Amino acid sequence: MSCHPDPAAFLPAASQPTPCPRAIGVRGMALIMHFEGCARKQPDGTYAAYPDPGTGGDPWTIGWGATGPGIGRGTVWTQAQCDARLAADLARFAHEVDRALGDAPATQAQFDALVSFHYNTGAIARATLTRKHKAGDFEGAAREFGRWVHAGGKVLRGLVRRRAAEEELYRSV
């Protein structure tokens, strides 16, 4: 896949069962892929890990925003590795959001926005945003996105833009 693949390519095949009742949709994947990018492409076509823009260090990131054990200075992945990790992460984060929401209703747009938020923050289980959504306070939940714009003690313009896009998606039909 190129650095700008069709987000639909990451959806599970129709013949395979989805691992949880709710799965991220194309709009949510497109939002994540837009803001994460597939950064630091090297001349040989591989991708190098880079430090967090908020801290200048940990957590190191590679590909479509992947972080975690084994990712640090000097980590290099192929495009296929970046894409495979994105697919696995999207399924994992969607499952975690589904679990956090329990039986609370969510439109596909709301679910997609919440998965993007969780993909970037890892905070779905502790966020006031989630509590407000579960309580049916969708307007209050939408306003919560804008509170999550800090990294390393600083407001980052990229997070401001991302949270605005997530809020817009959350509010959409």
N, C-alpha and C. Protein backbone atom coordinates (compact mmCIF):
# COMPACT_ATOMS: atom_id res chain seq x y z
N MET A 1 0.83 -1.18 0.00
CA MET A 1 0.00 0.00 0.00
C MET A 1 0.88 1.24 0.00
N SER A 2 0.37 2.25 -0.58
CA SER A 2 1.09 3.51 -0.56
C SER A 2 0.85 4.21 0.76
N CYS A 3 1.46 5.34 0.93
CA CYS A 3 1.28 6.09 2.17
C CYS A 3 -0.12 6.71 2.25
N HIS A 4 -0.88 6.67 1.19
CA HIS A 4 -2.23 7.21 1.18
C HIS A 4 -3.21 6.18 0.63
N PRO A 5 -3.30 4.98 1.26
CA PRO A 5 -4.22 3.97 0.75
C PRO A 5 -5.66 4.34 1.04
N ASP A 6 -6.54 3.62 0.39
CA ASP A 6 -7.96 3.78 0.64
C ASP A 6 -8.27 3.19 2.02
N PRO A 7 -8.85 3.98 2.93
CA PRO A 7 -9.14 3.44 4.26
C PRO A 7 -10.00 2.18 4.22
N ALA A 8 -10.83 2.01 3.19
CA ALA A 8 -11.67 0.83 3.09
C ALA A 8 -10.85 -0.45 2.99
N ALA A 9 -9.61 -0.33 2.56
CA ALA A 9 -8.74 -1.50 2.46
C ALA A 9 -8.46 -2.11 3.83
N PHE A 10 -8.69 -1.36 4.90
CA PHE A 10 -8.42 -1.86 6.24
C PHE A 10 -9.66 -2.45 6.91
N LEU A 11 -10.82 -2.40 6.24
CA LEU A 11 -12.02 -3.00 6.79
C LEU A 11 -11.91 -4.51 6.70
N PRO A 12 -12.48 -5.24 7.68
CA PRO A 12 -12.45 -6.69 7.59
C PRO A 12 -13.25 -7.18 6.40
N ALA A 13 -12.81 -8.28 5.82
CA ALA A 13 -13.54 -8.87 4.69
C ALA A 13 -14.95 -9.21 5.13
N ALA A 14 -15.91 -9.04 4.24
CA ALA A 14 -17.31 -9.25 4.59
C ALA A 14 -17.56 -10.68 5.07
N SER A 15 -16.79 -11.64 4.57
CA SER A 15 -17.01 -13.03 4.94
C SER A 15 -16.41 -13.38 6.30
N GLN A 16 -15.60 -12.48 6.88
CA GLN A 16 -15.00 -12.76 8.17
C GLN A 16 -15.78 -12.05 9.27
N PRO A 17 -15.97 -12.72 10.41
CA PRO A 17 -16.69 -12.06 11.49
C PRO A 17 -15.90 -10.91 12.06
N THR A 18 -16.59 -9.84 12.43
CA THR A 18 -15.95 -8.70 13.07
C THR A 18 -15.68 -9.09 14.52
N PRO A 19 -14.49 -8.76 15.07
CA PRO A 19 -14.15 -9.21 16.41
C PRO A 19 -14.99 -8.59 17.52
N CYS A 20 -15.72 -7.54 17.26
CA CYS A 20 -16.60 -6.96 18.27
C CYS A 20 -17.85 -6.47 17.55
N PRO A 21 -18.92 -6.25 18.31
CA PRO A 21 -20.17 -5.83 17.67
C PRO A 21 -20.04 -4.53 16.86
N ARG A 22 -19.19 -3.63 17.34
CA ARG A 22 -19.02 -2.36 16.62
C ARG A 22 -17.60 -2.30 16.08
N ALA A 23 -17.48 -1.83 14.86
CA ALA A 23 -16.16 -1.71 14.23
C ALA A 23 -16.03 -0.30 13.65
N ILE A 24 -14.81 0.16 13.54
CA ILE A 24 -14.57 1.49 12.97
C ILE A 24 -14.98 1.51 11.50
N GLY A 25 -15.53 2.63 11.09
CA GLY A 25 -15.95 2.80 9.70
C GLY A 25 -14.92 3.55 8.88
N VAL A 26 -15.22 3.72 7.63
CA VAL A 26 -14.31 4.36 6.69
C VAL A 26 -13.98 5.80 7.10
N ARG A 27 -15.00 6.55 7.57
CA ARG A 27 -14.72 7.94 7.95
C ARG A 27 -13.79 8.02 9.15
N GLY A 28 -13.93 7.12 10.09
CA GLY A 28 -13.03 7.11 11.24
C GLY A 28 -11.62 6.73 10.85
N MET A 29 -11.50 5.73 9.98
CA MET A 29 -10.17 5.33 9.51
C MET A 29 -9.52 6.47 8.74
N ALA A 30 -10.29 7.13 7.90
CA ALA A 30 -9.73 8.24 7.12
C ALA A 30 -9.24 9.36 8.03
N LEU A 31 -9.99 9.64 9.10
CA LEU A 31 -9.58 10.68 10.04
C LEU A 31 -8.27 10.30 10.73
N ILE A 32 -8.19 9.07 11.21
CA ILE A 32 -6.96 8.60 11.87
C ILE A 32 -5.79 8.65 10.90
N MET A 33 -5.99 8.14 9.70
CA MET A 33 -4.89 8.10 8.73
C MET A 33 -4.46 9.50 8.33
N HIS A 34 -5.41 10.43 8.26
CA HIS A 34 -5.07 11.81 7.92
C HIS A 34 -4.17 12.42 8.99
N PHE A 35 -4.56 12.27 10.26
CA PHE A 35 -3.81 12.92 11.32
C PHE A 35 -2.55 12.17 11.72
N GLU A 36 -2.55 10.86 11.61
CA GLU A 36 -1.35 10.11 11.95
C GLU A 36 -0.33 10.17 10.81
N GLY A 37 -0.83 10.13 9.59
CA GLY A 37 0.08 10.07 8.45
C GLY A 37 0.89 8.79 8.51
N CYS A 38 1.68 8.58 7.56
CA CYS A 38 2.64 7.47 7.58
C CYS A 38 3.97 8.16 7.37
N ALA A 39 4.50 8.66 8.47
CA ALA A 39 5.59 9.64 8.43
C ALA A 39 6.98 9.01 8.40
N ARG A 40 7.93 9.86 8.07
CA ARG A 40 9.36 9.54 8.08
C ARG A 40 9.74 8.45 7.09
N LYS A 41 9.21 8.59 5.87
CA LYS A 41 9.60 7.66 4.81
C LYS A 41 11.03 7.96 4.42
N GLN A 42 11.82 6.91 4.35
CA GLN A 42 13.24 7.03 4.00
C GLN A 42 13.42 6.78 2.50
N PRO A 43 14.57 7.16 1.96
CA PRO A 43 14.80 6.98 0.52
C PRO A 43 14.62 5.55 0.02
N ASP A 44 14.86 4.56 0.90
CA ASP A 44 14.70 3.16 0.47
C ASP A 44 13.27 2.66 0.59
N GLY A 45 12.33 3.55 0.99
CA GLY A 45 10.93 3.18 1.07
C GLY A 45 10.50 2.66 2.44
N THR A 46 11.44 2.52 3.35
CA THR A 46 11.07 2.11 4.70
C THR A 46 10.71 3.33 5.53
N TYR A 47 10.22 3.09 6.73
CA TYR A 47 9.79 4.17 7.62
C TYR A 47 10.56 4.09 8.93
N ALA A 48 11.04 5.25 9.39
CA ALA A 48 11.84 5.32 10.61
C ALA A 48 10.98 5.86 11.76
N ALA A 49 11.22 5.34 12.96
CA ALA A 49 10.54 5.84 14.15
C ALA A 49 10.99 7.26 14.43
N TYR A 50 10.10 8.03 15.09
CA TYR A 50 10.40 9.42 15.43
C TYR A 50 9.88 9.71 16.83
N PRO A 51 10.47 10.70 17.50
CA PRO A 51 10.05 11.01 18.87
C PRO A 51 8.69 11.71 18.89
N ASP A 52 8.01 11.58 20.01
CA ASP A 52 6.73 12.24 20.21
C ASP A 52 6.91 13.74 20.05
N PRO A 53 6.03 14.41 19.27
CA PRO A 53 6.19 15.85 19.07
C PRO A 53 5.97 16.68 20.34
N GLY A 54 5.24 16.14 21.30
CA GLY A 54 5.00 16.89 22.53
C GLY A 54 6.14 16.81 23.52
N THR A 55 6.78 15.63 23.58
CA THR A 55 7.84 15.43 24.57
C THR A 55 9.24 15.50 23.97
N GLY A 56 9.33 15.28 22.66
CA GLY A 56 10.65 15.22 22.02
C GLY A 56 11.34 13.89 22.29
N GLY A 57 10.63 12.96 22.88
CA GLY A 57 11.17 11.63 23.20
C GLY A 57 10.07 10.61 23.23
N ASP A 58 9.93 9.93 24.37
CA ASP A 58 8.91 8.89 24.51
C ASP A 58 7.51 9.48 24.50
N PRO A 59 6.54 8.79 23.95
CA PRO A 59 6.69 7.52 23.26
C PRO A 59 7.14 7.72 21.81
N TRP A 60 8.06 6.90 21.39
CA TRP A 60 8.48 6.93 19.99
C TRP A 60 7.35 6.35 19.14
N THR A 61 7.26 6.83 17.91
CA THR A 61 6.14 6.51 17.03
C THR A 61 6.68 6.08 15.68
N ILE A 62 5.95 5.19 15.02
CA ILE A 62 6.33 4.76 13.68
C ILE A 62 5.07 4.48 12.86
N GLY A 63 5.19 4.61 11.54
CA GLY A 63 4.09 4.28 10.64
C GLY A 63 2.88 5.16 10.89
N TRP A 64 1.73 4.52 11.03
CA TRP A 64 0.45 5.19 11.20
C TRP A 64 0.19 5.50 12.67
N GLY A 65 1.19 5.95 13.40
CA GLY A 65 1.01 6.34 14.79
C GLY A 65 1.22 5.22 15.78
N ALA A 66 1.88 4.15 15.38
CA ALA A 66 2.12 3.02 16.28
C ALA A 66 3.14 3.39 17.34
N THR A 67 2.86 2.99 18.57
CA THR A 67 3.76 3.17 19.70
C THR A 67 3.81 1.87 20.48
N GLY A 68 4.73 1.77 21.42
CA GLY A 68 4.75 0.61 22.29
C GLY A 68 6.09 -0.07 22.33
N PRO A 69 6.12 -1.24 23.00
CA PRO A 69 7.37 -1.98 23.14
C PRO A 69 8.01 -2.28 21.79
N GLY A 70 9.30 -2.13 21.73
CA GLY A 70 10.04 -2.42 20.50
C GLY A 70 10.09 -1.25 19.53
N ILE A 71 9.46 -0.13 19.86
CA ILE A 71 9.50 1.04 18.98
C ILE A 71 10.30 2.12 19.69
N GLY A 72 11.39 2.51 19.08
CA GLY A 72 12.26 3.53 19.67
C GLY A 72 13.22 4.05 18.62
N ARG A 73 14.19 4.80 19.07
CA ARG A 73 15.21 5.32 18.16
C ARG A 73 15.82 4.15 17.39
N GLY A 74 15.88 4.29 16.07
CA GLY A 74 16.48 3.26 15.23
C GLY A 74 15.51 2.21 14.70
N THR A 75 14.26 2.22 15.15
CA THR A 75 13.27 1.27 14.64
C THR A 75 12.92 1.64 13.21
N VAL A 76 12.92 0.65 12.33
CA VAL A 76 12.60 0.85 10.92
C VAL A 76 11.62 -0.24 10.50
N TRP A 77 10.54 0.15 9.82
CA TRP A 77 9.54 -0.78 9.33
C TRP A 77 9.33 -0.59 7.84
N THR A 78 8.84 -1.65 7.21
CA THR A 78 8.41 -1.56 5.81
C THR A 78 6.98 -1.00 5.78
N GLN A 79 6.52 -0.64 4.59
CA GLN A 79 5.13 -0.19 4.44
C GLN A 79 4.18 -1.29 4.89
N ALA A 80 4.49 -2.54 4.53
CA ALA A 80 3.62 -3.65 4.92
C ALA A 80 3.52 -3.78 6.44
N GLN A 81 4.62 -3.58 7.14
CA GLN A 81 4.59 -3.63 8.60
C GLN A 81 3.74 -2.49 9.17
N CYS A 82 3.88 -1.29 8.59
CA CYS A 82 3.08 -0.14 9.03
C CYS A 82 1.60 -0.42 8.83
N ASP A 83 1.23 -0.95 7.67
CA ASP A 83 -0.17 -1.21 7.36
C ASP A 83 -0.75 -2.33 8.22
N ALA A 84 0.05 -3.38 8.46
CA ALA A 84 -0.42 -4.49 9.29
C ALA A 84 -0.65 -4.02 10.72
N ARG A 85 0.25 -3.20 11.23
CA ARG A 85 0.07 -2.70 12.59
C ARG A 85 -1.14 -1.79 12.67
N LEU A 86 -1.39 -0.96 11.65
CA LEU A 86 -2.58 -0.11 11.65
C LEU A 86 -3.84 -0.97 11.73
N ALA A 87 -3.93 -2.00 10.91
CA ALA A 87 -5.11 -2.86 10.91
C ALA A 87 -5.32 -3.50 12.28
N ALA A 88 -4.25 -3.99 12.89
CA ALA A 88 -4.36 -4.61 14.21
C ALA A 88 -4.75 -3.57 15.26
N ASP A 89 -4.14 -2.39 15.20
CA ASP A 89 -4.45 -1.34 16.17
C ASP A 89 -5.89 -0.85 16.03
N LEU A 90 -6.37 -0.70 14.80
CA LEU A 90 -7.75 -0.25 14.60
C LEU A 90 -8.72 -1.24 15.23
N ALA A 91 -8.49 -2.54 15.04
CA ALA A 91 -9.36 -3.56 15.63
C ALA A 91 -9.28 -3.51 17.15
N ARG A 92 -8.08 -3.38 17.70
CA ARG A 92 -7.91 -3.34 19.15
C ARG A 92 -8.57 -2.12 19.76
N PHE A 93 -8.33 -0.95 19.18
CA PHE A 93 -8.91 0.28 19.73
C PHE A 93 -10.43 0.28 19.59
N ALA A 94 -10.96 -0.23 18.49
CA ALA A 94 -12.42 -0.32 18.33
C ALA A 94 -13.01 -1.23 19.40
N HIS A 95 -12.35 -2.34 19.67
CA HIS A 95 -12.81 -3.26 20.70
C HIS A 95 -12.80 -2.58 22.08
N GLU A 96 -11.73 -1.82 22.37
CA GLU A 96 -11.63 -1.13 23.65
C GLU A 96 -12.71 -0.05 23.80
N VAL A 97 -13.00 0.66 22.72
CA VAL A 97 -14.08 1.66 22.77
C VAL A 97 -15.41 0.96 22.96
N ASP A 98 -15.64 -0.12 22.23
CA ASP A 98 -16.88 -0.86 22.36
C ASP A 98 -17.06 -1.34 23.81
N ARG A 99 -16.01 -1.84 24.40
CA ARG A 99 -16.06 -2.31 25.79
C ARG A 99 -16.34 -1.15 26.74
N ALA A 100 -15.70 0.00 26.51
CA ALA A 100 -15.90 1.18 27.38
C ALA A 100 -17.33 1.70 27.29
N LEU A 101 -17.93 1.63 26.11
CA LEU A 101 -19.29 2.13 25.93
C LEU A 101 -20.34 1.17 26.47
N GLY A 102 -20.00 -0.10 26.54
CA GLY A 102 -20.97 -1.08 27.00
C GLY A 102 -22.19 -1.08 26.11
N ASP A 103 -23.37 -0.98 26.72
CA ASP A 103 -24.58 -1.01 25.91
C ASP A 103 -25.09 0.39 25.53
N ALA A 104 -24.27 1.41 25.77
CA ALA A 104 -24.66 2.77 25.39
C ALA A 104 -24.74 2.87 23.87
N PRO A 105 -25.79 3.50 23.36
CA PRO A 105 -25.90 3.63 21.90
C PRO A 105 -24.86 4.63 21.36
N ALA A 106 -24.47 4.41 20.12
CA ALA A 106 -23.57 5.33 19.43
C ALA A 106 -23.83 5.21 17.94
N THR A 107 -23.90 6.34 17.27
CA THR A 107 -23.98 6.30 15.82
C THR A 107 -22.61 5.86 15.29
N GLN A 108 -22.54 5.49 14.04
CA GLN A 108 -21.24 5.12 13.48
C GLN A 108 -20.27 6.29 13.55
N ALA A 109 -20.77 7.50 13.29
CA ALA A 109 -19.91 8.69 13.34
C ALA A 109 -19.38 8.92 14.76
N GLN A 110 -20.26 8.78 15.76
CA GLN A 110 -19.81 8.94 17.14
C GLN A 110 -18.76 7.88 17.49
N PHE A 111 -19.04 6.65 17.12
CA PHE A 111 -18.10 5.57 17.41
C PHE A 111 -16.76 5.83 16.74
N ASP A 112 -16.78 6.23 15.48
CA ASP A 112 -15.54 6.51 14.74
C ASP A 112 -14.74 7.63 15.42
N ALA A 113 -15.43 8.68 15.84
CA ALA A 113 -14.74 9.79 16.51
C ALA A 113 -14.13 9.32 17.82
N LEU A 114 -14.85 8.48 18.55
CA LEU A 114 -14.33 7.97 19.82
C LEU A 114 -13.14 7.05 19.61
N VAL A 115 -13.15 6.25 18.55
CA VAL A 115 -12.00 5.39 18.26
C VAL A 115 -10.79 6.25 17.90
N SER A 116 -10.98 7.29 17.10
CA SER A 116 -9.86 8.18 16.76
C SER A 116 -9.29 8.82 18.02
N PHE A 117 -10.18 9.31 18.88
CA PHE A 117 -9.76 9.92 20.14
C PHE A 117 -8.94 8.93 20.96
N HIS A 118 -9.44 7.71 21.09
CA HIS A 118 -8.75 6.69 21.89
C HIS A 118 -7.44 6.27 21.24
N TYR A 119 -7.42 6.17 19.92
CA TYR A 119 -6.20 5.81 19.19
C TYR A 119 -5.09 6.79 19.52
N ASN A 120 -5.45 8.04 19.65
CA ASN A 120 -4.46 9.10 19.89
C ASN A 120 -4.14 9.30 21.36
N THR A 121 -5.13 9.09 22.24
CA THR A 121 -4.92 9.40 23.67
C THR A 121 -4.80 8.17 24.56
N GLY A 122 -5.43 7.08 24.15
CA GLY A 122 -5.47 5.90 25.02
C GLY A 122 -6.34 6.10 26.24
N ALA A 123 -7.21 7.11 26.23
CA ALA A 123 -7.91 7.53 27.44
C ALA A 123 -9.40 7.23 27.46
N ILE A 124 -9.89 6.35 26.62
CA ILE A 124 -11.34 6.16 26.53
C ILE A 124 -11.95 5.71 27.85
N ALA A 125 -11.25 4.92 28.64
CA ALA A 125 -11.82 4.38 29.87
C ALA A 125 -11.90 5.41 30.99
N ARG A 126 -11.09 6.45 30.93
CA ARG A 126 -11.06 7.43 32.03
C ARG A 126 -11.57 8.82 31.66
N ALA A 127 -11.91 9.04 30.41
CA ALA A 127 -12.28 10.37 29.94
C ALA A 127 -13.71 10.74 30.33
N THR A 128 -13.87 11.98 30.76
CA THR A 128 -15.20 12.52 31.03
C THR A 128 -16.05 12.44 29.76
N LEU A 129 -15.43 12.56 28.62
CA LEU A 129 -16.10 12.41 27.33
C LEU A 129 -16.88 11.10 27.29
N THR A 130 -16.26 10.02 27.71
CA THR A 130 -16.92 8.71 27.69
C THR A 130 -18.08 8.68 28.68
N ARG A 131 -17.86 9.19 29.88
CA ARG A 131 -18.94 9.20 30.88
C ARG A 131 -20.14 10.01 30.39
N LYS A 132 -19.88 11.15 29.76
CA LYS A 132 -20.98 11.97 29.25
C LYS A 132 -21.72 11.25 28.11
N HIS A 133 -20.96 10.61 27.23
CA HIS A 133 -21.59 9.88 26.13
C HIS A 133 -22.48 8.77 26.69
N LYS A 134 -21.96 8.00 27.62
CA LYS A 134 -22.72 6.89 28.20
C LYS A 134 -23.98 7.38 28.91
N ALA A 135 -23.93 8.59 29.46
CA ALA A 135 -25.08 9.17 30.16
C ALA A 135 -26.09 9.77 29.18
N GLY A 136 -25.77 9.76 27.88
CA GLY A 136 -26.68 10.33 26.89
C GLY A 136 -26.51 11.82 26.70
N ASP A 137 -25.47 12.39 27.33
CA ASP A 137 -25.19 13.82 27.18
C ASP A 137 -24.25 14.01 25.98
N PHE A 138 -24.80 13.85 24.79
CA PHE A 138 -23.98 13.88 23.58
C PHE A 138 -23.41 15.27 23.31
N GLU A 139 -24.16 16.30 23.64
CA GLU A 139 -23.65 17.67 23.47
C GLU A 139 -22.46 17.90 24.41
N GLY A 140 -22.61 17.50 25.65
CA GLY A 140 -21.51 17.65 26.61
C GLY A 140 -20.31 16.81 26.21
N ALA A 141 -20.56 15.62 25.71
CA ALA A 141 -19.46 14.76 25.26
C ALA A 141 -18.72 15.42 24.10
N ALA A 142 -19.46 15.97 23.16
CA ALA A 142 -18.83 16.62 22.00
C ALA A 142 -17.91 17.76 22.44
N ARG A 143 -18.35 18.51 23.44
CA ARG A 143 -17.52 19.63 23.93
C ARG A 143 -16.24 19.15 24.62
N GLU A 144 -16.22 17.92 25.09
CA GLU A 144 -15.04 17.39 25.79
C GLU A 144 -13.84 17.18 24.87
N PHE A 145 -14.06 16.96 23.59
CA PHE A 145 -12.93 16.72 22.68
C PHE A 145 -11.89 17.83 22.79
N GLY A 146 -12.37 19.07 22.83
CA GLY A 146 -11.48 20.23 22.84
C GLY A 146 -10.60 20.36 24.07
N ARG A 147 -10.86 19.58 25.09
CA ARG A 147 -10.04 19.63 26.31
C ARG A 147 -8.75 18.82 26.16
N TRP A 148 -8.67 17.95 25.16
CA TRP A 148 -7.57 17.01 25.00
C TRP A 148 -6.60 17.49 23.92
N VAL A 149 -6.00 18.65 24.15
CA VAL A 149 -5.12 19.26 23.14
C VAL A 149 -3.69 19.48 23.65
N HIS A 150 -3.38 18.92 24.80
CA HIS A 150 -2.06 19.13 25.41
C HIS A 150 -1.18 17.90 25.26
N ALA A 151 0.09 18.12 25.06
CA ALA A 151 1.11 17.06 25.07
C ALA A 151 2.39 17.68 25.60
N GLY A 152 3.01 17.01 26.54
CA GLY A 152 4.23 17.55 27.11
C GLY A 152 4.01 18.91 27.77
N GLY A 153 2.80 19.14 28.28
CA GLY A 153 2.49 20.40 28.94
C GLY A 153 2.22 21.57 28.01
N LYS A 154 2.15 21.30 26.71
CA LYS A 154 1.92 22.36 25.73
C LYS A 154 0.67 22.07 24.91
N VAL A 155 0.02 23.14 24.46
CA VAL A 155 -1.06 22.99 23.50
C VAL A 155 -0.41 22.80 22.13
N LEU A 156 -0.77 21.71 21.46
CA LEU A 156 -0.23 21.45 20.12
C LEU A 156 -1.28 21.74 19.06
N ARG A 157 -0.91 22.53 18.05
CA ARG A 157 -1.86 22.89 16.99
C ARG A 157 -2.44 21.66 16.31
N GLY A 158 -1.60 20.64 16.11
CA GLY A 158 -2.09 19.42 15.48
C GLY A 158 -3.17 18.75 16.30
N LEU A 159 -3.04 18.77 17.63
CA LEU A 159 -4.08 18.18 18.48
C LEU A 159 -5.34 19.04 18.47
N VAL A 160 -5.19 20.35 18.40
CA VAL A 160 -6.35 21.23 18.30
C VAL A 160 -7.13 20.90 17.03
N ARG A 161 -6.42 20.75 15.91
CA ARG A 161 -7.08 20.42 14.64
C ARG A 161 -7.73 19.03 14.70
N ARG A 162 -7.01 18.08 15.27
CA ARG A 162 -7.54 16.72 15.34
C ARG A 162 -8.80 16.67 16.20
N ARG A 163 -8.75 17.28 17.37
CA ARG A 163 -9.92 17.25 18.25
C ARG A 163 -11.10 17.95 17.60
N ALA A 164 -10.86 19.03 16.88
CA ALA A 164 -11.95 19.72 16.16
C ALA A 164 -12.56 18.79 15.11
N ALA A 165 -11.71 18.05 14.40
CA ALA A 165 -12.21 17.11 13.39
C ALA A 165 -12.97 15.96 14.04
N GLU A 166 -12.49 15.48 15.18
CA GLU A 166 -13.20 14.42 15.89
C GLU A 166 -14.55 14.91 16.39
N GLU A 167 -14.57 16.12 16.93
CA GLU A 167 -15.84 16.68 17.39
C GLU A 167 -16.82 16.83 16.22
N GLU A 168 -16.32 17.33 15.11
CA GLU A 168 -17.19 17.49 13.93
C GLU A 168 -17.75 16.13 13.48
N LEU A 169 -16.90 15.11 13.45
CA LEU A 169 -17.36 13.78 13.06
C LEU A 169 -18.38 13.26 14.09
N TYR A 170 -18.10 13.43 15.36
CA TYR A 170 -18.99 12.97 16.43
C TYR A 170 -20.38 13.58 16.28
N ARG A 171 -20.43 14.86 15.92
CA ARG A 171 -21.71 15.57 15.79
C ARG A 171 -22.43 15.27 14.46
N SER A 172 -21.72 14.69 13.50
CA SER A 172 -22.32 14.48 12.18
C SER A 172 -23.29 13.30 12.19
N VAL A 173 -24.03 13.19 11.12
CA VAL A 173 -25.03 12.12 11.02
C VAL A 173 -24.42 10.91 10.38
